[in-house]
Protein backbone atom coordinates (compact mmCIF):
# COMPACT_ATOMS: atom_id res chain seq x y z
CA LYS A 1 -16.80 16.91 10.36
CA SER A 2 -13.59 17.89 8.63
CA LEU A 3 -15.37 18.63 5.35
CA GLY A 4 -17.84 20.94 7.18
CA THR A 5 -14.95 22.83 8.89
CA PHE A 6 -13.18 23.44 5.62
CA ILE A 7 -16.32 24.61 3.85
CA LYS A 8 -17.04 27.04 6.64
CA ALA A 9 -13.51 28.43 6.62
CA LYS A 10 -13.73 28.94 2.91
CA GLN A 11 -17.08 30.75 3.16
CA ASP A 12 -16.02 32.92 6.12
CA TYR A 13 -12.65 33.91 4.61
CA PRO A 14 -13.13 33.80 0.79
CA PHE A 15 -10.09 36.05 0.15
CA HIS A 16 -7.72 34.68 2.77
CA ASN A 17 -4.23 33.61 1.66
CA LEU A 18 -5.04 30.16 2.95
CA ASN A 19 -7.97 29.84 0.52
CA CYS A 20 -6.20 27.23 -1.61
CA MET A 21 -5.65 25.07 1.55
CA PHE A 22 -9.36 25.32 2.36
CA GLN A 23 -10.19 24.27 -1.17
CA PHE A 24 -7.73 21.36 -1.03
CA GLY A 25 -9.16 20.19 2.31
CA ILE A 26 -12.65 20.20 0.79
CA SER A 27 -11.62 18.33 -2.29
CA GLU A 28 -9.57 15.74 -0.41
CA ASN A 29 -12.54 15.05 1.93
CA ASN A 30 -14.82 14.70 -1.05
CA PHE A 31 -12.30 12.19 -2.51
CA LEU A 32 -12.14 10.25 0.78
CA LEU A 33 -15.95 10.14 0.88
CA HIS A 34 -15.98 8.80 -2.70
CA GLU A 35 -17.76 11.93 -3.96
CA PHE A 36 -15.55 11.80 -6.99
CA ASP A 37 -17.46 14.21 -9.36
CA VAL A 38 -17.28 16.97 -6.74
CA ALA A 39 -13.68 16.17 -5.90
CA LYS A 40 -12.73 16.41 -9.59
CA LYS A 41 -14.16 19.87 -9.94
CA GLY A 42 -12.47 20.99 -6.70
CA PHE A 43 -8.98 19.66 -7.70
CA SER A 44 -9.38 21.09 -11.20
CA SER A 45 -10.13 24.44 -9.65
CA ILE A 46 -6.93 24.22 -7.62
CA LEU A 47 -4.90 23.69 -10.76
CA GLN A 48 -6.48 26.72 -12.38
CA LYS A 49 -6.40 29.14 -9.44
CA CYS A 50 -3.63 28.03 -7.00
CA ASN A 51 0.06 28.66 -7.24
CA ASN A 52 1.09 26.64 -4.24
CA PRO A 53 3.23 23.75 -5.73
CA ARG A 54 2.30 21.30 -2.93
CA PHE A 55 -1.42 21.70 -3.54
CA LYS A 56 -0.99 21.61 -7.31
CA VAL A 57 0.92 18.38 -7.12
CA GLY A 58 -1.56 16.83 -4.85
CA ALA A 59 -4.43 17.85 -7.05
CA ARG A 60 -2.75 16.36 -10.14
CA LEU A 61 -2.17 13.08 -8.20
CA ARG A 62 -5.79 12.81 -7.06
CA LEU A 63 -7.13 13.46 -10.54
CA ALA A 64 -4.85 10.70 -11.91
CA GLU A 65 -5.81 8.28 -9.12
CA MET A 66 -9.53 8.85 -9.91
CA GLN A 67 -8.87 7.55 -13.42
CA MET A 68 -7.08 4.42 -12.19
CA GLU A 69 -10.05 2.15 -12.37
CA LYS A 70 -10.92 3.18 -15.97
CA ASN A 71 -7.41 3.44 -17.35
CA PRO A 72 -4.78 2.05 -14.94
CA LYS A 73 -1.90 2.17 -17.44
CA GLU A 74 -2.34 5.80 -18.35
CA SER A 75 -2.98 6.83 -14.72
CA THR A 76 0.12 5.08 -13.53
CA LEU A 77 2.16 6.76 -16.23
CA ILE A 78 0.84 10.15 -15.07
CA ILE A 79 1.52 9.43 -11.45
CA GLU A 80 5.08 8.23 -12.40
CA SER A 81 5.67 11.37 -14.45
CA ILE A 82 4.54 13.58 -11.56
CA TYR A 83 7.04 11.67 -9.29
CA GLU A 84 9.86 12.33 -11.75
CA GLN A 85 9.08 15.98 -11.96
CA GLU A 86 8.24 16.68 -8.30
CA SER A 87 9.97 13.85 -6.34
CA ASN A 88 10.66 16.08 -3.30
CA ILE A 89 7.07 17.04 -2.90
CA VAL A 90 5.71 13.54 -3.59
CA THR A 91 8.12 11.83 -1.10
CA ARG A 92 7.44 14.42 1.60
CA PHE A 93 3.61 14.84 1.34
CA TYR A 94 2.12 12.14 -0.96
CA GLN A 95 3.94 8.86 -0.22
CA GLU A 96 0.87 6.85 -1.12
CA ALA A 97 1.54 7.70 -4.83
CA LEU A 98 4.71 5.65 -4.60
CA TYR A 99 2.71 2.70 -3.30
CA ASN A 100 0.22 3.08 -6.12
CA ILE A 101 2.92 3.05 -8.79
CA GLY A 102 4.50 0.04 -7.18
CA GLU A 103 1.25 -1.92 -7.00
CA ASN A 104 0.36 -1.25 -10.58
CA LYS A 105 3.80 -2.32 -11.79
CA TYR A 106 3.53 -5.45 -9.64
CA GLN A 107 0.20 -6.29 -11.25
CA THR A 108 1.70 -5.81 -14.68
CA LYS A 109 4.69 -8.03 -13.78
CA GLN A 110 7.26 -5.25 -13.79
CA PHE A 111 8.73 -6.63 -10.69
CA THR A 112 12.11 -4.91 -10.53
CA SER A 113 10.57 -1.48 -11.08
CA ALA A 114 7.75 -2.34 -8.59
CA ARG A 115 10.27 -3.20 -5.83
CA PHE A 116 11.96 0.18 -6.36
CA PHE A 117 8.79 2.11 -5.74
CA PHE A 118 7.73 -0.06 -2.80
CA ASN A 119 11.20 0.57 -1.24
CA GLU A 120 10.87 4.26 -1.93
CA TYR A 121 7.43 4.28 -0.26
CA LEU A 122 8.81 2.50 2.83
CA LYS A 123 11.80 4.84 2.94
CA HIS A 124 9.62 7.96 3.02
CA LYS A 125 6.38 6.69 4.59
CA LYS A 126 4.69 8.48 7.35
CA ARG A 127 4.64 6.72 10.71
CA GLU A 128 2.95 3.28 10.43
CA PRO A 129 0.56 4.02 7.56
CA SER A 130 -1.98 1.33 6.68
CA CYS A 131 -0.23 0.41 3.47
CA ALA A 132 3.17 -0.18 5.00
CA VAL A 133 2.53 -3.87 5.84
CA TYR A 134 1.34 -4.46 2.27
CA ALA A 135 4.49 -2.82 0.84
CA HIS A 136 6.63 -5.04 2.97
CA ARG A 137 4.65 -8.07 1.84
CA ARG A 138 4.90 -7.06 -1.80
CA ILE A 139 8.73 -6.84 -1.60
CA ALA A 140 8.57 -10.47 -0.33
CA ASP A 141 6.23 -11.50 -3.12
CA ILE A 142 8.50 -9.93 -5.71
CA SER A 143 11.54 -11.83 -4.28
CA ALA A 144 9.45 -15.01 -4.63
CA LYS A 145 8.54 -14.13 -8.20
CA LEU A 146 12.19 -13.42 -9.00
CA LYS A 147 13.16 -16.72 -7.39
CA SER A 148 15.45 -15.32 -4.70
CA LEU A 149 17.21 -17.52 -2.30
CA LYS A 150 14.93 -19.13 0.19
CA SER A 151 16.82 -17.69 3.08
CA ASP A 152 16.28 -14.13 1.77
CA LEU A 153 12.60 -14.74 1.24
CA LEU A 154 12.33 -16.17 4.76
CA THR A 155 13.93 -12.96 6.15
CA LEU A 156 11.50 -10.73 4.31
CA TYR A 157 8.44 -12.72 5.56
CA LEU A 158 9.74 -12.56 9.09
CA GLU A 159 10.46 -8.80 8.88
CA THR A 160 6.92 -8.21 7.74
CA TYR A 161 5.60 -10.11 10.76
CA GLU A 162 8.05 -8.52 13.20
CA GLN A 163 7.16 -4.96 12.25
CA PHE A 164 3.38 -5.61 12.02
CA PRO A 165 2.66 -8.62 14.30
CA LYS A 166 -0.96 -7.86 15.04
CA THR A 167 -2.12 -7.32 11.47
CA ASP A 168 -3.70 -9.88 9.27
CA MET A 169 -0.93 -9.59 6.63
CA GLY A 170 1.74 -9.72 9.33
CA ILE A 171 0.31 -12.97 10.78
CA PHE A 172 -0.19 -14.48 7.26
CA SER A 173 3.46 -13.71 6.43
CA HIS A 174 4.59 -15.37 9.59
CA ILE A 175 2.65 -18.52 8.65
CA GLN A 176 4.29 -18.47 5.25
CA ALA A 177 7.67 -18.15 6.88
CA LEU A 178 6.90 -21.22 9.06
CA LEU A 179 5.78 -23.17 5.93
CA LEU A 180 8.69 -22.09 3.69
CA ASP A 181 11.23 -24.64 4.82
CA TYR A 182 8.82 -26.86 6.63
CA PRO A 183 9.49 -30.05 4.61
CA GLU A 184 13.24 -29.94 5.54
CA LYS A 185 12.70 -29.80 9.32
CA SER A 186 12.83 -32.51 11.91
CA GLN A 187 9.62 -34.18 13.08
CA GLY A 188 9.73 -32.35 16.39
CA GLU A 189 10.17 -29.04 14.72
CA LYS A 190 7.23 -29.83 12.28
CA ILE A 191 5.04 -30.57 15.27
CA ARG A 192 6.02 -27.29 17.00
CA ARG A 193 5.32 -25.30 13.79
CA THR A 194 2.03 -26.99 13.15
CA ARG A 195 0.86 -26.09 16.69
CA LEU A 196 1.97 -22.51 16.09
CA ILE A 197 0.26 -22.23 12.73
CA ASP A 198 -2.95 -23.66 14.18
CA GLU A 199 -2.92 -21.03 16.83
CA GLU A 200 -2.28 -18.18 14.42
CA LEU A 201 -4.67 -19.03 11.61
CA PRO A 202 -7.87 -18.09 13.58
CA LEU A 203 -6.33 -14.81 14.50
CA ILE A 204 -6.54 -13.65 10.86
CA GLY A 205 -9.74 -11.59 10.42
CA ASP A 206 -9.69 -11.42 6.65
CA PRO A 207 -11.52 -14.66 5.46
CA LYS A 208 -9.59 -14.64 2.07
CA LEU A 209 -6.19 -14.56 3.85
CA ARG A 210 -7.27 -17.14 6.34
CA TYR A 211 -8.33 -19.42 3.54
CA LEU A 212 -5.02 -18.87 1.72
CA GLY A 213 -3.16 -19.62 4.95
CA SER A 214 -5.09 -22.89 5.38
CA LEU A 215 -4.52 -23.82 1.68
CA ASN A 216 -0.78 -23.12 1.93
CA LYS A 217 -0.56 -25.24 4.99
CA ALA A 218 -2.37 -28.11 3.34
CA LEU A 219 -0.17 -27.96 0.22
CA THR A 220 2.96 -27.80 2.25
CA PHE A 221 1.84 -30.79 4.38
CA LEU A 222 1.13 -32.71 1.19
CA GLU A 223 4.55 -31.90 -0.16
CA SER A 224 6.00 -33.24 3.04
CA GLY A 225 4.14 -36.57 2.58
CA GLU A 226 1.69 -35.92 5.30
């Protein structure tokens, strides 16, 4: 519906000063619909014909993102370069680019740099975007990779749960927090936590996360001699 509205606006007002916005809306919808060949042509046209810096930065980011699967290293370098050149525009309008840089750096084990970009994403994010819970979770994962204090890691897991209690990743993080120092707890506290974990595991809709939660539970119990 949005795509059709932008196309009609561009056709009805071909010489309007909002023409670049119409074209960006068309290209963005093509991108979201996975019509990547059409999207590439549209974003390339914006770079050639539009002077609005916001739309030009957005077009450059989308063109780089569409190369992520084929060449993730080069794509990430381009996105990072755009951020360095146009940080004000990126942090105001295209926060997901910060998340994408962080995720790629995490996958390539550049943990300190990844944490910076995830923190930047969370600092500038729009209200409760879908990636926020994953950014919170990644910061906790990075702390685990860097062997931070268990108390710090526990705080990060609980923060993820407290901010996103009804999401799969939020519940999964809560289960990990409950398991983190489980072997050190009293028998009564272990029983309480086991009951809570058993109540929460079925609430995770993602079968992979539910499986990982069950696996973590089993390994922790084994460590505890159970």
